[in-house]
Protein backbone atom coordinates (compact mmCIF):
# COMPACT_ATOMS: atom_id res chain seq x y z
CA MET A 1 101.85 177.92 112.47
CA TRP A 2 101.65 179.12 108.88
CA GLU A 3 98.99 177.47 106.70
CA LEU A 4 98.55 177.13 102.94
CA PRO A 5 96.40 179.67 101.07
CA SER A 6 92.85 178.45 100.47
CA THR A 7 92.10 180.07 97.10
CA ARG A 8 95.29 179.36 95.14
CA PRO A 9 98.53 177.37 95.42
CA ALA A 10 101.29 178.68 97.62
CA LEU A 11 104.34 179.80 95.67
CA MET A 12 107.65 178.43 96.91
CA GLY A 13 110.71 180.32 95.71
CA ILE A 14 113.78 178.16 95.10
CA LEU A 15 117.02 179.32 96.68
CA ASN A 16 119.85 176.86 96.11
CA ILE A 17 123.03 177.51 98.10
CA THR A 18 125.00 175.19 95.83
CA PRO A 19 127.63 175.45 93.09
CA ASP A 20 126.07 172.74 90.92
CA SER A 21 122.24 172.85 90.86
CA PHE A 22 120.94 172.31 87.33
CA SER A 23 119.33 175.71 86.85
CA ASP A 24 120.75 178.20 89.34
CA GLY A 25 123.91 176.52 90.59
CA GLY A 26 126.40 179.06 91.87
CA LEU A 27 124.09 182.07 91.57
CA ASN A 28 123.47 182.28 95.32
CA PHE A 29 126.59 180.57 96.60
CA ASN A 30 127.36 183.24 99.18
CA GLN A 31 125.30 184.65 102.00
CA SER A 32 124.87 188.23 100.80
CA THR A 33 123.72 187.20 97.32
CA ALA A 34 121.35 184.62 98.80
CA VAL A 35 119.78 187.21 101.11
CA ASP A 36 119.36 189.62 98.18
CA SER A 37 117.68 186.87 96.17
CA ALA A 38 115.36 186.08 99.08
CA ARG A 39 114.29 189.72 99.33
CA ARG A 40 113.68 189.85 95.59
CA MET A 41 111.48 186.75 95.79
CA VAL A 42 109.45 188.37 98.56
CA ASP A 43 108.90 191.44 96.39
CA GLU A 44 107.91 189.21 93.45
CA GLY A 45 105.21 187.39 95.39
CA ALA A 46 106.69 184.25 96.94
CA ASP A 47 104.75 182.80 99.87
CA LEU A 48 107.65 180.75 101.23
CA LEU A 49 111.30 180.05 100.45
CA ASP A 50 113.01 176.69 99.94
CA ILE A 51 116.68 176.68 100.97
CA GLY A 52 118.86 173.83 99.74
CA GLY A 53 122.53 173.14 100.31
CA GLU A 54 122.87 169.93 98.28
CA SER A 55 122.09 169.56 94.60
CA THR A 56 119.88 166.57 93.76
CA ARG A 57 119.99 167.06 90.00
CA PRO A 58 120.68 163.92 87.93
CA GLY A 59 124.26 162.84 88.49
CA ALA A 60 124.84 165.10 91.49
CA VAL A 61 127.37 164.00 94.09
CA GLU A 62 126.23 163.83 97.71
CA VAL A 63 127.76 166.37 100.09
CA SER A 64 128.51 165.83 103.76
CA ALA A 65 126.15 166.97 106.49
CA GLU A 66 128.86 169.34 107.73
CA GLU A 67 129.16 171.03 104.33
CA GLU A 68 125.40 171.22 103.92
CA LEU A 69 125.07 172.84 107.34
CA ARG A 70 127.84 175.31 106.51
CA ARG A 71 125.93 176.37 103.41
CA VAL A 72 122.35 176.63 104.67
CA ILE A 73 122.31 177.58 108.35
CA PRO A 74 123.83 181.09 107.98
CA VAL A 75 121.39 181.81 105.12
CA ILE A 76 118.36 180.57 107.07
CA GLU A 77 119.38 182.74 110.03
CA ALA A 78 120.01 185.74 107.79
CA ILE A 79 116.70 185.64 105.93
CA GLN A 80 114.47 185.45 109.00
CA SER A 81 113.94 189.18 108.56
CA VAL A 82 112.14 188.75 105.21
CA GLY A 83 109.14 187.40 107.09
CA LEU A 84 108.29 184.34 104.99
CA PRO A 85 108.11 180.71 106.11
CA ILE A 86 111.34 178.88 105.33
CA SER A 87 111.65 175.35 104.01
CA VAL A 88 114.90 173.39 104.18
CA ASP A 89 115.50 171.06 101.26
CA THR A 90 117.47 168.19 102.79
CA ARG A 91 117.63 164.41 103.09
CA LYS A 92 119.59 164.46 106.35
CA ALA A 93 117.96 164.50 109.79
CA SER A 94 120.91 166.32 111.35
CA VAL A 95 120.61 169.13 108.80
CA ALA A 96 116.83 169.30 109.22
CA LYS A 97 117.15 169.50 113.01
CA ALA A 98 119.66 172.35 112.85
CA ALA A 99 117.64 174.18 110.19
CA LEU A 100 114.45 173.93 112.25
CA ALA A 101 116.32 175.29 115.26
CA ALA A 102 117.59 178.15 113.08
CA GLY A 103 114.07 179.15 112.03
CA ALA A 104 112.87 176.83 109.26
CA THR A 105 109.33 175.48 109.66
CA ILE A 106 109.13 173.07 106.72
CA VAL A 107 111.30 170.08 105.75
CA ASN A 108 111.34 169.27 102.03
CA ASP A 109 112.79 165.75 101.82
CA VAL A 110 113.30 164.39 98.30
CA SER A 111 114.06 160.97 99.77
CA ALA A 112 110.76 160.78 101.72
CA PHE A 113 112.41 160.03 105.05
CA ALA A 114 115.15 157.66 103.90
CA ASP A 115 117.04 158.86 107.00
CA PRO A 116 115.37 156.85 109.80
CA GLN A 117 115.81 159.71 112.25
CA MET A 118 113.93 162.22 110.09
CA PRO A 119 110.35 161.32 111.18
CA GLU A 120 111.17 161.86 114.85
CA VAL A 121 112.96 165.15 114.16
CA CYS A 122 109.96 166.47 112.21
CA ALA A 123 107.34 165.15 114.63
CA LEU A 124 109.06 166.74 117.63
CA ALA A 125 109.33 170.06 115.78
CA GLY A 126 105.68 169.99 114.69
CA CYS A 127 106.76 171.22 111.28
CA HIS A 128 105.31 170.75 107.81
CA VAL A 129 107.01 168.09 105.70
CA CYS A 130 107.09 167.37 101.98
CA LEU A 131 107.65 163.74 100.97
CA MET A 132 108.78 163.23 97.40
CA HIS A 133 109.01 160.19 95.17
CA MET A 134 112.46 159.50 93.76
CA LYS A 135 113.38 156.25 92.02
CA GLY A 136 116.98 155.50 92.99
CA GLU A 137 119.56 158.11 93.94
CA PRO A 138 120.51 161.36 92.17
CA GLN A 139 123.73 159.78 90.87
CA SER A 140 121.83 157.02 89.03
CA MET A 141 118.14 157.85 88.95
CA GLN A 142 118.02 158.79 85.26
CA LYS A 143 119.68 155.58 84.04
CA SER A 144 116.76 153.84 82.28
CA PRO A 145 114.01 154.25 84.93
CA THR A 146 111.13 151.83 84.33
CA TYR A 147 107.58 151.49 85.67
CA GLY A 148 104.60 149.32 84.94
CA ASP A 149 102.10 152.07 85.77
CA VAL A 150 103.97 155.19 86.86
CA VAL A 151 100.93 157.01 88.27
CA LEU A 152 99.84 154.00 90.33
CA GLU A 153 103.32 153.17 91.57
CA VAL A 154 104.19 156.73 92.56
CA THR A 155 100.82 157.20 94.27
CA GLU A 156 101.11 153.94 96.23
CA TYR A 157 104.65 154.81 97.32
CA LEU A 158 103.63 158.24 98.58
CA VAL A 159 100.58 156.87 100.41
CA GLU A 160 102.84 154.42 102.23
CA LYS A 161 105.28 157.17 103.17
CA ALA A 162 102.49 159.52 104.29
CA LYS A 163 100.91 156.87 106.52
CA ALA A 164 104.30 156.15 108.08
CA ALA A 165 104.75 159.88 108.76
CA GLU A 166 101.34 159.99 110.46
CA LEU A 167 102.27 157.00 112.61
CA ALA A 168 105.41 158.89 113.61
CA GLY A 169 103.22 161.70 114.94
CA ILE A 170 103.13 164.17 112.07
CA VAL A 171 99.69 165.73 111.54
CA LYS A 172 98.10 164.79 108.19
CA SER A 173 97.41 168.39 107.16
CA ARG A 174 101.15 169.12 107.51
CA ILE A 175 102.21 166.29 105.21
CA TRP A 176 102.67 167.35 101.59
CA LEU A 177 103.25 164.92 98.73
CA ASP A 178 105.38 165.53 95.64
CA PRO A 179 105.38 163.07 92.70
CA GLY A 180 109.00 163.97 91.96
CA ILE A 181 108.89 165.22 88.39
CA GLY A 182 112.29 164.52 86.86
CA PHE A 183 113.51 162.31 89.70
CA GLY A 184 113.94 158.84 88.23
CA LYS A 185 111.46 159.38 85.39
CA THR A 186 111.64 159.63 81.62
CA GLY A 187 109.94 162.50 79.83
CA GLN A 188 106.94 160.26 79.17
CA HIS A 189 106.71 159.32 82.84
CA ASN A 190 106.69 163.00 83.79
CA PHE A 191 103.86 163.83 81.39
CA LEU A 192 101.84 160.83 82.58
CA LEU A 193 102.27 161.94 86.19
CA LEU A 194 101.17 165.47 85.40
CA HIS A 195 98.18 164.13 83.46
CA GLY A 196 97.24 161.94 86.44
CA LEU A 197 97.80 164.47 89.22
CA GLU A 198 94.17 164.38 90.35
CA GLU A 199 94.67 160.82 91.59
CA LEU A 200 97.33 162.10 93.98
CA VAL A 201 95.32 165.20 94.92
CA ASP A 202 92.27 163.06 95.72
CA LEU A 203 94.16 161.35 98.55
CA GLY A 204 93.54 164.43 100.69
CA TYR A 205 97.14 165.46 101.34
CA PRO A 206 98.39 168.80 100.01
CA VAL A 207 100.34 168.17 96.81
CA MET A 208 103.44 170.11 95.82
CA ILE A 209 104.75 170.20 92.26
CA GLY A 210 108.15 171.18 90.93
CA VAL A 211 108.31 171.57 87.16
CA SER A 212 110.46 174.69 86.89
CA ARG A 213 112.80 174.56 83.86
CA LYS A 214 113.03 170.75 83.95
CA SER A 215 114.29 168.56 81.13
CA PHE A 216 110.90 167.12 80.14
CA ILE A 217 110.00 170.62 78.90
CA GLY A 218 113.15 170.70 76.79
CA ALA A 219 112.34 167.25 75.41
CA VAL A 220 109.24 168.72 73.75
CA SER A 221 110.40 172.26 73.01
CA HIS A 222 114.14 171.66 72.46
CA ALA A 223 114.64 174.75 74.62
CA SER A 224 117.68 175.25 76.82
CA VAL A 225 117.27 175.50 80.59
CA GLU A 226 117.17 179.31 80.41
CA GLN A 227 114.45 179.24 77.71
CA ARG A 228 111.95 176.92 79.40
CA LEU A 229 109.77 179.48 81.18
CA PRO A 230 106.77 179.21 78.79
CA GLY A 231 106.69 175.42 79.12
CA THR A 232 107.15 175.70 82.86
CA LEU A 233 104.15 178.00 83.19
CA ALA A 234 101.99 175.75 81.00
CA ALA A 235 102.73 172.73 83.21
CA GLN A 236 102.32 174.79 86.37
CA VAL A 237 98.89 176.16 85.44
CA LEU A 238 97.55 172.75 84.45
CA ALA A 239 98.85 171.34 87.74
CA GLN A 240 97.03 174.15 89.53
CA ALA A 241 93.84 173.20 87.70
CA SER A 242 94.32 169.64 88.97
CA GLY A 243 94.37 170.88 92.56
CA VAL A 244 98.01 171.15 93.64
CA ARG A 245 98.52 173.30 96.73
CA VAL A 246 102.18 174.30 96.41
CA VAL A 247 104.16 175.32 93.31
CA ARG A 248 107.95 175.36 93.47
CA ALA A 249 109.54 177.88 91.08
CA HIS A 250 112.74 179.63 90.06
CA ASP A 251 110.97 182.46 88.18
CA VAL A 252 108.89 183.84 91.03
CA SER A 253 107.35 186.94 89.44
CA GLU A 254 106.18 185.06 86.34
CA ALA A 255 104.97 182.06 88.34
CA ARG A 256 102.96 184.27 90.69
CA GLN A 257 101.28 186.10 87.82
CA ALA A 258 100.30 182.75 86.28
CA ILE A 259 98.95 181.49 89.62
CA ASP A 260 96.84 184.60 90.19
CA VAL A 261 95.34 184.65 86.69
CA ALA A 262 94.64 180.91 86.79
CA ALA A 263 92.99 181.29 90.21
CA MET A 264 90.59 183.88 88.82
CA ILE A 265 89.67 181.66 85.87
CA LEU A 266 89.28 178.52 87.95
CA ARG A 267 87.34 180.23 90.76
CA PRO A 268 85.12 183.03 89.41
CA SER A 269 83.77 183.54 92.93
CA LEU A 270 87.06 185.30 93.69
CA PHE A 271 85.77 188.35 91.80
CA SER A 272 84.85 190.80 94.54
CA LYS A 273 84.55 193.83 92.29
CA PRO A 274 84.69 194.60 88.57
CA LEU A 275 88.17 194.52 87.08
CA ALA A 276 89.48 197.28 84.85
């Protein structure tokens, strides 16, 4: 079973097989293009690939399990040859089960096991899982989300979900937590969560972060989705300094360069020989 790197965060390349994802919707909406993108991400330094067949951007409409399966299973089967671990980004146990049978080894569930059959599917497969915090549903989550203490509430929610996953038979080291940046949060909530990441990291579960091109960056910079790479990298590096173990990214080459440089600064012991 694949394990996370010990000296830096793992880099998860995002591969959405959807027509409507907020950043790359439609770019990989056929098998040959998706496979080409997967190979490019390997060359650019991805450690694993996240395959999603349903957009969960704000306002997105849910798709059927049948349609989601039609989108993701052929791609998962086709990219086995690239040699990287594959994550399936799904809320549906039936999709997760089929994806795991097709070769995926990680289930990235933005609903944190809202499907009651998901814990059993993942426990039986012995796979890694990522449990994310989302307030509400994609269709409505950005309609005036409110919290008393967003860091405390998100942390408590994820602890509860992680403990339930352990009770279902999933090994603690294979349970990742994601605070869900942009999922039912205002820009202020997102910045507070990023500022307080160490509280989540200190729980002892690997933490995954997804900040790539998200709207909270545009709220500060007024940059369009395509122009948010500098802000993305700033948030990513600071999250790395807080101890996150997985970084989810659209811009793989740039994200990997930032990870490697930050790792050298944060852990000088990594220097094995003088650098040019």
